[in-house]
Amino acid sequence: MERSRRSSAQRTVSVVLAAAVALGAGAVARPAAAAAAAPAGPVQSAQGVAGFRLADIPAKDGVVLKADVFTPPPGTPGADPQGRYPLVVQPASWGQNDLEYVAQGHALAEAGYVVVTYTVRGFWASGGEVDVAGPKDVADISAVIDWALARTPADPQRVGMVGLSLGGGLTLLGAAFDPRIRAVASLSGWADLTDSLYSGQTRHLQAAAVLAGIQAPTGRRSPEFARVLDDLFDNRDLPDVVRWADTRSPARYLDRINANGTAVLLANAWGDSFFNPGQIIDFYQRLTVPKRLELRPGDHASQEFTGLLGLPNAAWDSARSWLDQYLKGAPADQRRPVDLEVRPTGRHESHPDWQSVATRTDHLAVGADTLGGEAAGEWRTTVLGDLPSGANAGVTLLSGALDQNLHRPPTVVVPLLARPAAAVRQSQPYPQGLAVRGAARLHTSVTASSPDGTAVAYLYDVDALGVGRLISHGPQSWTGRTPGRPFPLDVTLFATAYDVPAGHRLALVLGTRDALYGGTTPLGSTVTFTSTAADPSDLTLPLR
C-alpha cells in the first residue's frame, strides 16, 4: 500500500512540473559558453550589458558557485565617502540558476546597490551536491559576502539579502549565522522545514514529489538528501527525517536572528503548497527585530513571478523598500507592519501586529447534523478509511495560483460528497457574512479500527446552490492507538484571511484521504468521529 501511494505521488510530478517551472521561478538557462568562460576568482565582463558580469565564487570547501554581479553605473547616488554601495546577495530558488534575478538585479543596481546573485551548490553549473539549506549552503552565504566585499565596491556595513523559495529560506538562515547581514527579505521562504514536510504528523508527499521532480533535471542529489526522500516516501525512519529538517529550519535559530538584530521582511502566500502560512506567522510573532509580514492569495512563488520578468510586483516592491530603509537610511515605511490581502475579494487590511488580526473567537458546536448552535449531545459518525470523499485540498502549485488569479480555490458540490467516506456538517446561513482571520481549530474524538490513521479537515464557504469553495484545510495523523478505544483528536487548519459572503454557510468536512498527503488509514478500515457531553466536538474560528 505504501509503495502504491509513493508511485501515485511521484506520478503527479509530470502533471505539475510544467506549472512549477512556469509559476515557481521562470527558469532562465545560464549560457553554457559564458559560464564556462568565467574562471574562479576575477570577475569576467559580459559584453553589451552595462553593470552586469559573470563570476565564479569559490566556497570554503573548494566548490565553485556560478554567480552574476550587478554594479551601479558611475555616479549613481548612494555611495559612501569611499565610493562603496550597499550589497544585496540573492541565492537562486530551488532548481533555478543565477540568471533568475537578472531583472531585479539590474533594477537594484540602477537604484544604487551592488548585487551578487548565485546558483546554489548542486544546481546547474555550480559545483557540489544539493544541500537543501544545510550547513554547506549556509557557509556559502558568508563565502559569497566575503568575495563581494573583496572584489566589488560593496560596503561591509550595509549588507542585505533577498531570496525567493530556497533563496528565501537561505536569507533567514543567513540572518542567523552571519551578523554582517543587516536586512533580509524572504519571499515565499520557509521558517520550519519539518512543518513543511510533516505538519500534523502527516507526510506532505505530493509537495515532496514535486520538489524532487524540479530538482532532478538541474541538480545533483547528495546521498543524504536521497536517503531522506526515500525515507519520507516509504514512511520509514521519520525521526531521522525530522532531525534532518530541523537543522534546516530558521525557526530553530530564531534566537540568533534576534541577537543579530537583522531586520526581517516575510512575504508569503495563503495557499503555498510547500510552506504553509501558519509557520511563517508563528515565526513572525517570535521575532523581536524590526519586522514586516505580508500575506497574499497565491501558491508557492506565484505572487512574485511577474517581478522576475521585470514587471510591477508588490512583493518585490516591498523588498526594495525594506532594503532602502535598512541599508540606505530611507524614510520608514508608513504602512503598518502586518499587511494582508483578503480572499476572495483582494481587499487589503493592515494591522499593528498579528494579535490584532482577529478580534474575537467563536466556538461552533459540531453536532450530529449541524455546525454551530447548541451542542447536540452524543453522536457518532463512521467513515470508511482511505476512500476519496470528494473533498480535496487541490493540486500542488496549481490550486493556489488559480485562487490568486481567478479567485477559484478547490471547489466541491457539498450535497454530492461521498457520505460513506466523509462526515459533513453545515451551519445556518450567515446573514451578515463572516470574516475568518487566522487558523481554525477542530477538536473531536476518534475511534478507529486500526492503530494508525489520518484525518483531513476541510472548511468550505457554501453558497445557496451547495457549491463549496475551500477556505482552509489541515491534516492530522495518529499512530499506536488501541483499536476500538476513543481518543481525542485536534486538527489545526492552515491560517487564512477569508470573507464569507452574506447569506453563505460554512461546511466542515472530515475525510481520511487527500492526494496531497501520505495518509496512514488502511483501506477498508473504519474511522468513527464521536462527541460526548463530557468531551464535545467543536470548531474554533478566529474572526473579525
Protein backbone atom coordinates (compact mmCIF):
# COMPACT_ATOMS: atom_id res chain seq x y z
CA MET A 1 0.00 0.00 0.00
CA GLU A 2 2.81 2.40 0.91
CA ARG A 3 4.58 1.69 -2.39
CA SER A 4 1.39 2.41 -4.32
CA ARG A 5 0.95 5.71 -2.52
CA ARG A 6 4.52 6.62 -3.34
CA SER A 7 4.01 5.81 -7.01
CA SER A 8 0.84 7.89 -7.03
CA ALA A 9 2.65 10.85 -5.50
CA GLN A 10 5.51 10.60 -7.94
CA ARG A 11 3.14 10.38 -10.92
CA THR A 12 1.85 13.82 -10.00
CA VAL A 13 5.25 15.26 -10.87
CA SER A 14 4.65 15.02 -14.61
CA VAL A 15 1.37 16.90 -14.20
CA VAL A 16 2.64 19.75 -12.06
CA LEU A 17 6.27 20.09 -13.10
CA ALA A 18 5.35 22.34 -16.01
CA ALA A 19 3.38 24.53 -13.64
CA ALA A 20 6.31 24.61 -11.23
CA VAL A 21 8.60 25.91 -13.91
CA ALA A 22 6.02 28.41 -15.12
CA LEU A 23 4.96 29.64 -11.69
CA GLY A 24 7.88 28.97 -9.42
CA ALA A 25 10.71 30.99 -10.81
CA GLY A 26 10.78 31.06 -14.57
CA ALA A 27 13.97 29.10 -15.11
CA VAL A 28 16.43 31.07 -17.18
CA ALA A 29 19.24 28.93 -18.54
CA ARG A 30 22.71 30.33 -17.93
CA PRO A 31 24.52 30.42 -21.27
CA ALA A 32 26.85 27.47 -21.21
CA ALA A 33 29.64 29.16 -23.09
CA ALA A 34 29.59 32.22 -20.85
CA ALA A 35 29.51 30.11 -17.72
CA ALA A 36 32.45 28.06 -18.88
CA ALA A 37 34.40 31.21 -19.71
CA ALA A 38 34.16 32.61 -16.16
CA PRO A 39 37.19 31.35 -14.22
CA ALA A 40 37.33 31.23 -10.45
CA GLY A 41 38.42 34.49 -8.90
CA PRO A 42 38.41 37.58 -11.15
CA VAL A 43 35.10 38.85 -12.44
CA GLN A 44 34.55 38.49 -16.18
CA SER A 45 32.69 41.20 -18.12
CA ALA A 46 29.70 40.33 -20.31
CA GLN A 47 29.79 42.45 -23.43
CA GLY A 48 26.87 44.72 -24.15
CA VAL A 49 25.29 44.60 -20.69
CA ALA A 50 26.20 47.59 -18.56
CA GLY A 51 26.92 46.75 -14.94
CA PHE A 52 26.49 43.01 -15.44
CA ARG A 53 29.32 40.50 -15.11
CA LEU A 54 29.67 36.77 -14.64
CA ALA A 55 31.78 35.33 -11.85
CA ASP A 56 32.95 32.11 -10.28
CA ILE A 57 32.98 32.28 -6.47
CA PRO A 58 34.98 29.66 -4.54
CA ALA A 59 33.25 28.28 -1.45
CA LYS A 60 35.23 27.44 1.66
CA ASP A 61 35.40 23.75 0.72
CA GLY A 62 36.60 24.49 -2.81
CA VAL A 63 33.23 24.14 -4.56
CA VAL A 64 32.76 26.81 -7.22
CA LEU A 65 29.48 28.75 -7.28
CA LYS A 66 28.33 30.37 -10.50
CA ALA A 67 27.30 33.96 -9.94
CA ASP A 68 26.27 37.25 -11.55
CA VAL A 69 27.45 40.64 -10.37
CA PHE A 70 25.49 43.86 -10.95
CA THR A 71 27.16 47.17 -10.11
CA PRO A 72 25.67 50.67 -10.12
CA PRO A 73 26.50 52.88 -13.09
CA PRO A 74 29.16 55.50 -12.38
CA GLY A 75 27.82 58.46 -10.46
CA THR A 76 24.79 56.60 -9.04
CA PRO A 77 23.75 58.19 -5.72
CA GLY A 78 24.07 56.17 -2.55
CA ALA A 79 27.83 55.58 -2.31
CA ASP A 80 29.67 56.23 0.95
CA PRO A 81 32.76 58.53 1.00
CA GLN A 82 34.90 55.59 -0.13
CA GLY A 83 32.67 55.02 -3.16
CA ARG A 84 31.08 51.86 -1.74
CA TYR A 85 27.46 50.85 -2.18
CA PRO A 86 25.18 48.62 -0.11
CA LEU A 87 25.44 44.94 -1.03
CA VAL A 88 22.49 42.63 -1.79
CA VAL A 89 23.11 38.87 -2.03
CA GLN A 90 20.49 36.77 -3.82
CA PRO A 91 20.63 32.95 -3.72
CA ALA A 92 18.68 31.37 -6.57
CA SER A 93 15.50 29.45 -5.87
CA TRP A 94 15.06 25.67 -5.95
CA GLY A 95 16.13 24.23 -9.31
CA GLN A 96 16.96 27.65 -10.79
CA ASN A 97 20.23 29.44 -11.53
CA ASP A 98 21.89 32.81 -11.04
CA LEU A 99 20.20 34.40 -14.07
CA GLU A 100 16.82 34.05 -12.38
CA TYR A 101 17.19 37.51 -10.82
CA VAL A 102 18.54 39.42 -13.84
CA ALA A 103 15.64 41.87 -13.96
CA GLN A 104 15.68 42.50 -10.22
CA GLY A 105 19.48 42.63 -10.07
CA HIS A 106 19.61 45.23 -12.80
CA ALA A 107 16.90 47.31 -11.13
CA LEU A 108 18.69 47.19 -7.77
CA ALA A 109 21.99 48.19 -9.36
CA GLU A 110 20.29 51.15 -11.07
CA ALA A 111 19.00 52.12 -7.61
CA GLY A 112 22.48 52.12 -6.10
CA TYR A 113 23.16 48.57 -4.89
CA VAL A 114 25.92 46.10 -5.64
CA VAL A 115 24.09 42.83 -6.29
CA VAL A 116 25.53 39.31 -6.34
CA THR A 117 23.17 36.52 -7.37
CA TYR A 118 24.39 32.95 -7.35
CA THR A 119 23.35 29.42 -8.21
CA VAL A 120 23.10 27.41 -5.00
CA ARG A 121 25.53 24.50 -4.82
CA GLY A 122 24.48 21.30 -6.51
CA PHE A 123 22.32 23.02 -9.15
CA TRP A 124 23.15 23.78 -12.79
CA ALA A 125 26.84 24.73 -13.25
CA SER A 126 27.62 25.33 -9.57
CA GLY A 127 29.73 22.59 -8.07
CA GLY A 128 28.95 20.20 -5.23
CA GLU A 129 25.71 18.43 -4.37
CA VAL A 130 22.32 19.72 -3.31
CA ASP A 131 22.48 20.52 0.42
CA VAL A 132 18.87 21.75 0.90
CA ALA A 133 19.84 24.74 3.06
CA GLY A 134 22.17 22.64 5.17
CA PRO A 135 25.46 23.69 6.77
CA LYS A 136 27.29 23.89 3.44
CA ASP A 137 24.67 26.16 1.91
CA VAL A 138 24.80 28.39 4.99
CA ALA A 139 28.58 28.60 4.83
CA ASP A 140 28.30 29.54 1.15
CA ILE A 141 26.34 32.68 2.09
CA SER A 142 29.27 34.00 4.10
CA ALA A 143 31.70 32.99 1.35
CA VAL A 144 29.71 34.99 -1.20
CA ILE A 145 29.66 38.02 1.10
CA ASP A 146 33.43 37.73 1.71
CA TRP A 147 34.04 37.53 -2.03
CA ALA A 148 31.81 40.51 -2.80
CA LEU A 149 33.42 42.70 -0.15
CA ALA A 150 36.85 41.87 -1.53
CA ARG A 151 36.08 42.23 -5.26
CA THR A 152 33.28 44.75 -5.68
CA PRO A 153 32.59 48.28 -4.41
CA ALA A 154 30.40 46.85 -1.61
CA ASP A 155 30.08 48.45 1.82
CA PRO A 156 30.65 45.93 4.67
CA GLN A 157 28.37 47.96 6.93
CA ARG A 158 25.39 47.69 4.58
CA VAL A 159 24.80 44.05 3.66
CA GLY A 160 21.37 42.58 2.86
CA MET A 161 19.81 39.53 1.26
CA VAL A 162 16.72 38.89 -0.86
CA GLY A 163 15.69 35.42 -1.93
CA LEU A 164 12.78 33.50 -3.39
CA SER A 165 11.75 29.97 -2.31
CA LEU A 166 15.01 28.18 -1.43
CA GLY A 167 16.65 31.58 -1.58
CA GLY A 168 14.04 32.89 0.86
CA GLY A 169 14.85 30.21 3.41
CA LEU A 170 18.57 30.85 2.94
CA THR A 171 18.12 34.58 3.61
CA LEU A 172 16.68 33.74 7.04
CA LEU A 173 19.47 31.29 7.77
CA GLY A 174 21.96 33.92 6.65
CA ALA A 175 20.41 36.36 9.11
CA ALA A 176 21.01 33.78 11.85
CA PHE A 177 24.59 32.82 11.01
CA ASP A 178 26.23 35.96 9.57
CA PRO A 179 25.86 39.04 11.80
CA ARG A 180 27.05 41.31 8.97
CA ILE A 181 23.63 40.97 7.32
CA ARG A 182 21.52 43.93 8.39
CA ALA A 183 18.30 43.30 6.46
CA VAL A 184 16.66 40.39 4.65
CA ALA A 185 13.55 39.92 2.53
CA SER A 186 12.35 36.32 2.43
CA LEU A 187 9.89 35.80 -0.42
CA SER A 188 7.93 32.51 -0.36
CA GLY A 189 10.52 31.11 2.03
CA TRP A 190 10.07 28.78 4.96
CA ALA A 191 10.59 29.02 8.69
CA ASP A 192 10.12 25.36 9.69
CA LEU A 193 11.11 22.72 7.15
CA THR A 194 9.83 19.94 9.40
CA ASP A 195 6.38 21.54 9.36
CA SER A 196 6.64 21.81 5.58
CA LEU A 197 7.28 18.09 5.15
CA TYR A 198 5.39 16.65 8.11
CA SER A 199 2.84 19.01 9.64
CA GLY A 200 0.08 17.30 11.58
CA GLN A 201 2.39 14.24 11.74
CA THR A 202 1.37 13.70 8.11
CA ARG A 203 3.77 13.34 5.21
CA HIS A 204 3.34 16.01 2.52
CA LEU A 205 4.11 13.61 -0.30
CA GLN A 206 2.81 15.50 -3.32
CA ALA A 207 4.83 18.60 -2.44
CA ALA A 208 7.93 16.48 -1.80
CA ALA A 209 7.46 14.69 -5.13
CA VAL A 210 7.17 17.99 -6.99
CA LEU A 211 10.32 19.34 -5.34
CA ALA A 212 12.16 16.15 -6.24
CA GLY A 213 10.90 16.44 -9.82
CA ILE A 214 12.06 20.06 -10.14
CA GLN A 215 15.47 19.13 -8.76
CA ALA A 216 16.05 16.12 -10.98
CA PRO A 217 16.87 17.87 -14.31
CA THR A 218 19.11 20.59 -12.86
CA GLY A 219 20.56 19.32 -9.57
CA ARG A 220 22.83 16.61 -8.22
CA ARG A 221 21.19 14.93 -5.24
CA SER A 222 23.52 14.20 -2.31
CA PRO A 223 23.35 10.70 -0.75
CA GLU A 224 21.92 12.26 2.41
CA PHE A 225 19.15 14.06 0.54
CA ALA A 226 18.38 10.93 -1.48
CA ARG A 227 18.07 8.87 1.69
CA VAL A 228 15.79 11.43 3.35
CA LEU A 229 13.48 11.48 0.33
CA ASP A 230 13.32 7.69 0.20
CA ASP A 231 12.55 7.52 3.93
CA LEU A 232 9.82 10.15 3.60
CA PHE A 233 8.14 8.41 0.66
CA ASP A 234 8.41 4.96 2.26
CA ASN A 235 7.23 6.10 5.73
CA ARG A 236 10.50 4.90 7.23
CA ASP A 237 12.87 6.35 9.86
CA LEU A 238 10.77 9.51 10.17
CA PRO A 239 12.56 10.68 13.36
CA ASP A 240 15.73 10.92 11.25
CA VAL A 241 13.83 12.86 8.58
CA VAL A 242 12.61 15.26 11.27
CA ARG A 243 16.12 15.74 12.66
CA TRP A 244 17.42 16.45 9.16
CA ALA A 245 14.68 19.01 8.52
CA ASP A 246 15.06 20.66 11.93
CA THR A 247 18.66 21.61 11.21
CA ARG A 248 17.46 23.39 8.07
CA SER A 249 14.72 25.38 9.81
CA PRO A 250 15.32 29.09 10.50
CA ALA A 251 12.86 28.83 13.42
CA ARG A 252 15.42 26.70 15.23
CA TYR A 253 17.87 29.61 15.11
CA LEU A 254 15.45 32.43 15.84
CA ASP A 255 17.40 33.50 18.94
CA ARG A 256 20.42 34.11 16.73
CA ILE A 257 18.42 36.33 14.39
CA ASN A 258 17.04 38.31 17.31
CA ALA A 259 20.52 38.68 18.80
CA ASN A 260 21.94 39.89 15.48
CA GLY A 261 19.16 42.46 15.13
CA THR A 262 18.63 41.77 11.44
CA ALA A 263 15.53 43.45 10.01
CA VAL A 264 13.25 40.75 8.54
CA LEU A 265 10.57 41.04 5.84
CA LEU A 266 8.41 37.94 5.27
CA ALA A 267 6.20 37.79 2.17
CA ASN A 268 4.26 34.58 1.55
CA ALA A 269 1.07 33.24 0.00
CA TRP A 270 -2.02 31.95 1.78
CA GLY A 271 -2.12 28.85 -0.43
CA ASP A 272 1.59 27.99 -0.51
CA SER A 273 1.75 24.25 -1.30
CA PHE A 274 5.17 23.87 0.34
CA PHE A 275 5.42 26.38 3.18
CA ASN A 276 2.04 26.98 4.79
CA PRO A 277 1.45 30.45 6.23
CA GLY A 278 0.95 29.19 9.79
CA GLN A 279 4.66 28.53 10.26
CA ILE A 280 5.51 31.97 8.85
CA ILE A 281 3.03 33.67 11.19
CA ASP A 282 4.43 31.82 14.21
CA PHE A 283 7.98 32.76 13.21
CA TYR A 284 6.99 36.39 12.71
CA GLN A 285 5.42 36.62 16.15
CA ARG A 286 8.59 35.34 17.83
CA LEU A 287 10.87 37.84 16.11
CA THR A 288 11.94 40.79 18.27
CA VAL A 289 13.84 42.60 15.48
CA PRO A 290 12.36 45.14 13.04
CA LYS A 291 9.92 43.03 11.05
CA ARG A 292 7.15 43.04 8.49
CA LEU A 293 4.67 40.35 7.38
CA GLU A 294 2.81 40.32 4.05
CA LEU A 295 0.39 37.56 3.07
CA ARG A 296 -1.45 37.40 -0.25
CA PRO A 297 -3.55 34.89 -2.17
CA GLY A 298 -1.49 32.55 -4.31
CA ASP A 299 0.66 29.46 -4.29
CA HIS A 300 4.36 28.95 -3.88
CA ALA A 301 6.29 31.79 -5.60
CA SER A 302 3.27 32.68 -7.76
CA GLN A 303 2.86 36.11 -6.23
CA GLU A 304 6.47 37.10 -7.07
CA PHE A 305 6.61 35.69 -10.61
CA THR A 306 5.89 38.87 -12.59
CA GLY A 307 8.70 40.62 -10.73
CA LEU A 308 11.20 38.14 -12.17
CA LEU A 309 10.13 39.40 -15.61
CA GLY A 310 10.78 42.99 -14.60
CA LEU A 311 7.07 43.82 -14.38
CA PRO A 312 5.47 45.73 -11.49
CA ASN A 313 5.13 43.44 -8.47
CA ALA A 314 4.03 44.22 -4.93
CA ALA A 315 6.26 41.68 -3.20
CA TRP A 316 9.43 42.84 -4.95
CA ASP A 317 8.46 46.48 -4.39
CA SER A 318 8.19 45.77 -0.67
CA ALA A 319 11.57 44.05 -0.68
CA ARG A 320 13.15 47.10 -2.34
CA SER A 321 11.50 49.46 0.15
CA TRP A 322 12.73 47.27 3.01
CA LEU A 323 16.33 47.38 1.75
CA ASP A 324 16.13 51.13 1.16
CA GLN A 325 15.03 51.69 4.74
CA TYR A 326 17.59 49.50 6.48
CA LEU A 327 20.58 49.70 4.13
CA LYS A 328 20.24 53.23 2.71
CA GLY A 329 18.51 55.07 5.55
CA ALA A 330 15.38 55.89 3.55
CA PRO A 331 12.32 57.08 5.49
CA ALA A 332 10.47 54.32 7.30
CA ASP A 333 7.53 52.69 5.56
CA GLN A 334 4.41 54.32 6.95
CA ARG A 335 2.30 51.20 6.46
CA ARG A 336 1.52 49.10 9.49
CA PRO A 337 3.75 46.01 9.75
CA VAL A 338 1.16 43.28 9.08
CA ASP A 339 -0.37 43.57 5.62
CA LEU A 340 -2.98 41.07 4.44
CA GLU A 341 -4.77 40.60 1.15
CA VAL A 342 -8.12 39.01 1.94
CA ARG A 343 -9.57 36.14 -0.09
CA PRO A 344 -11.51 36.10 -2.36
CA THR A 345 -12.08 39.85 -2.77
CA GLY A 346 -8.47 41.06 -2.78
CA ARG A 347 -9.30 43.66 -0.15
CA HIS A 348 -6.29 44.83 1.87
CA GLU A 349 -6.03 45.05 5.65
CA SER A 350 -3.15 46.36 7.72
CA HIS A 351 -2.56 45.75 11.41
CA PRO A 352 0.00 46.75 14.03
CA ASP A 353 0.68 43.10 14.91
CA TRP A 354 -0.69 39.62 14.32
CA GLN A 355 -2.64 39.62 17.58
CA SER A 356 -4.80 42.43 16.18
CA VAL A 357 -5.84 40.49 13.06
CA ALA A 358 -8.63 38.56 14.81
CA THR A 359 -10.81 40.47 17.23
CA ARG A 360 -12.94 37.61 18.53
CA THR A 361 -13.22 33.84 18.63
CA ASP A 362 -16.33 31.76 18.00
CA HIS A 363 -16.73 28.17 19.18
CA LEU A 364 -19.09 26.29 16.89
CA ALA A 365 -20.51 23.08 18.26
CA VAL A 366 -20.11 20.16 15.87
CA GLY A 367 -23.49 18.50 16.23
CA ALA A 368 -24.93 15.27 14.94
CA ASP A 369 -26.12 17.02 11.77
CA THR A 370 -25.17 20.68 12.09
CA LEU A 371 -22.31 23.08 12.70
CA GLY A 372 -22.93 25.79 15.28
CA GLY A 373 -25.78 26.35 17.65
CA GLU A 374 -26.19 24.25 20.75
CA ALA A 375 -24.19 21.08 21.28
CA ALA A 376 -26.25 18.14 20.12
CA GLY A 377 -25.30 15.74 22.90
CA GLU A 378 -23.71 12.45 22.00
CA TRP A 379 -23.29 11.32 18.39
CA ARG A 380 -21.14 9.01 16.28
CA THR A 381 -20.36 9.24 12.57
CA THR A 382 -18.37 6.47 10.88
CA VAL A 383 -16.47 6.81 7.57
CA LEU A 384 -14.60 4.21 5.56
CA GLY A 385 -10.84 4.56 5.56
CA ASP A 386 -8.67 5.66 2.63
CA LEU A 387 -11.56 6.27 0.23
CA PRO A 388 -11.95 9.54 -1.70
CA SER A 389 -14.69 11.67 -0.22
CA GLY A 390 -14.83 14.26 -2.99
CA ALA A 391 -13.39 16.89 -0.67
CA ASN A 392 -9.81 17.78 -1.52
CA ALA A 393 -7.21 20.48 -0.99
CA GLY A 394 -6.30 20.76 -4.67
CA VAL A 395 -3.05 20.23 -6.57
CA THR A 396 0.39 21.42 -5.58
CA LEU A 397 1.32 24.76 -7.22
CA LEU A 398 -1.83 24.94 -9.35
CA SER A 399 -4.64 25.43 -6.86
CA GLY A 400 -3.22 28.44 -5.07
CA ALA A 401 -2.36 30.09 -8.37
CA LEU A 402 -5.94 29.66 -9.58
CA ASP A 403 -7.16 31.16 -6.32
CA GLN A 404 -4.82 34.11 -6.81
CA ASN A 405 -5.61 34.84 -10.44
CA LEU A 406 -9.19 33.63 -10.91
CA HIS A 407 -10.48 33.55 -7.32
CA ARG A 408 -11.11 29.82 -7.81
CA PRO A 409 -9.98 27.75 -4.83
CA PRO A 410 -10.66 23.99 -4.81
CA THR A 411 -14.43 23.66 -5.18
CA VAL A 412 -16.95 20.90 -4.42
CA VAL A 413 -20.71 20.45 -4.52
CA VAL A 414 -21.35 19.70 -0.87
CA PRO A 415 -24.56 17.62 -1.33
CA LEU A 416 -22.67 15.33 -3.73
CA LEU A 417 -19.82 14.46 -1.37
CA ALA A 418 -19.47 10.72 -0.82
CA ARG A 419 -21.04 10.31 2.63
CA PRO A 420 -19.61 6.82 3.24
CA ALA A 421 -16.18 8.48 3.13
CA ALA A 422 -16.99 11.95 4.51
CA ALA A 423 -18.51 13.36 7.68
CA VAL A 424 -20.26 16.62 6.71
CA ARG A 425 -21.63 19.35 8.98
CA GLN A 426 -23.15 22.63 7.73
CA SER A 427 -24.02 25.82 9.57
CA GLN A 428 -27.03 28.02 9.11
CA PRO A 429 -26.56 30.92 6.64
CA TYR A 430 -24.73 33.95 7.99
CA PRO A 431 -26.91 36.96 7.07
CA GLN A 432 -24.06 39.42 7.54
CA GLY A 433 -21.30 37.18 6.26
CA LEU A 434 -18.24 36.15 8.24
CA ALA A 435 -14.62 37.32 8.31
CA VAL A 436 -12.30 34.39 9.08
CA ARG A 437 -8.84 35.55 10.19
CA GLY A 438 -6.20 33.05 11.26
CA ALA A 439 -6.12 29.31 11.91
CA ALA A 440 -9.35 27.43 12.67
CA ARG A 441 -9.02 24.51 15.07
CA LEU A 442 -11.15 21.38 15.31
CA HIS A 443 -11.49 19.25 18.41
CA THR A 444 -13.22 15.89 18.22
CA SER A 445 -12.81 12.29 19.34
CA VAL A 446 -11.90 9.34 17.17
CA THR A 447 -12.48 5.63 17.47
CA ALA A 448 -10.62 3.71 14.77
CA SER A 449 -10.43 0.07 13.80
CA SER A 450 -6.70 0.40 13.06
CA PRO A 451 -3.95 1.73 15.34
CA ASP A 452 -2.72 4.17 12.67
CA GLY A 453 -4.69 6.65 10.62
CA THR A 454 -5.11 10.12 9.16
CA ALA A 455 -7.94 12.62 9.21
CA VAL A 456 -8.17 15.67 6.96
CA ALA A 457 -10.48 18.52 7.96
CA TYR A 458 -11.82 20.94 5.33
CA LEU A 459 -13.68 24.20 5.89
CA TYR A 460 -15.83 25.41 2.98
CA ASP A 461 -17.71 28.58 2.07
CA VAL A 462 -21.04 27.25 0.72
CA ASP A 463 -23.45 29.24 -1.42
CA ALA A 464 -27.22 28.77 -1.83
CA LEU A 465 -26.69 26.13 -4.54
CA GLY A 466 -24.49 23.99 -2.31
CA VAL A 467 -21.23 24.90 -4.09
CA GLY A 468 -18.43 24.96 -1.56
CA ARG A 469 -15.19 26.91 -2.02
CA LEU A 470 -12.29 25.84 0.16
CA ILE A 471 -11.45 28.29 2.93
CA SER A 472 -8.79 26.14 4.55
CA HIS A 473 -7.88 22.60 5.49
CA GLY A 474 -5.46 20.64 7.66
CA PRO A 475 -4.28 17.03 8.08
CA GLN A 476 -3.65 15.19 11.34
CA SER A 477 -2.37 11.63 11.73
CA TRP A 478 -2.08 9.28 14.69
CA THR A 479 -0.10 6.15 15.46
CA GLY A 480 -0.23 3.36 18.01
CA ARG A 481 -3.81 3.86 19.16
CA THR A 482 -5.77 0.97 20.61
CA PRO A 483 -8.39 -0.14 18.04
CA GLY A 484 -11.94 0.42 19.25
CA ARG A 485 -10.93 2.82 22.03
CA PRO A 486 -11.77 6.53 21.60
CA PHE A 487 -9.05 9.17 21.80
CA PRO A 488 -9.08 12.99 21.40
CA LEU A 489 -8.06 14.46 18.07
CA ASP A 490 -7.13 18.10 17.47
CA VAL A 491 -6.65 19.40 13.94
CA THR A 492 -5.22 22.84 13.19
CA LEU A 493 -6.26 24.13 9.79
CA PHE A 494 -3.87 26.34 7.84
CA ALA A 495 -4.19 30.05 8.56
CA THR A 496 -6.04 32.28 6.13
CA ALA A 497 -7.92 35.56 5.73
CA TYR A 498 -11.25 34.84 4.05
CA ASP A 499 -14.52 36.79 3.85
CA VAL A 500 -17.59 34.54 3.68
CA PRO A 501 -20.27 36.47 1.72
CA ALA A 502 -23.58 37.37 3.30
CA GLY A 503 -26.09 34.54 3.09
CA HIS A 504 -23.49 31.80 2.74
CA ARG A 505 -22.94 28.87 5.09
CA LEU A 506 -19.89 27.12 6.50
CA ALA A 507 -19.36 23.42 5.90
CA LEU A 508 -16.96 21.25 7.87
CA VAL A 509 -15.93 18.04 6.11
CA LEU A 510 -13.86 15.23 7.63
CA GLY A 511 -12.26 12.57 5.48
CA THR A 512 -9.30 10.20 5.60
CA ARG A 513 -7.68 10.64 2.20
CA ASP A 514 -6.25 13.54 0.21
CA ALA A 515 -3.87 13.31 -2.73
CA LEU A 516 -1.59 15.94 -1.18
CA TYR A 517 -0.69 13.69 1.74
CA GLY A 518 0.66 10.28 2.60
CA GLY A 519 -2.19 9.15 4.85
CA THR A 520 -1.91 6.09 7.07
CA THR A 521 -5.56 4.99 7.29
CA PRO A 522 -5.74 1.43 5.91
CA LEU A 523 -8.11 0.82 3.05
CA GLY A 524 -11.28 -0.85 4.34
CA SER A 525 -10.78 0.23 7.95
CA THR A 526 -13.25 2.48 9.73
CA VAL A 527 -12.81 5.82 11.48
CA THR A 528 -15.59 6.98 13.79
CA PHE A 529 -15.82 10.61 14.86
CA THR A 530 -17.59 10.94 18.20
CA SER A 531 -18.85 13.63 20.54
CA THR A 532 -19.98 13.24 24.14
CA ALA A 533 -21.36 15.57 26.76
CA ALA A 534 -18.08 15.26 28.65
CA ASP A 535 -15.93 15.85 25.56
CA PRO A 536 -17.96 17.67 22.88
CA SER A 537 -16.65 18.27 19.38
CA ASP A 538 -16.23 21.89 18.38
CA LEU A 539 -14.67 24.16 15.77
CA THR A 540 -12.82 27.25 16.99
CA LEU A 541 -12.93 30.13 14.50
CA PRO A 542 -10.79 33.29 14.74
CA LEU A 543 -12.90 36.17 13.39
CA ARG A 544 -13.04 39.92 12.91
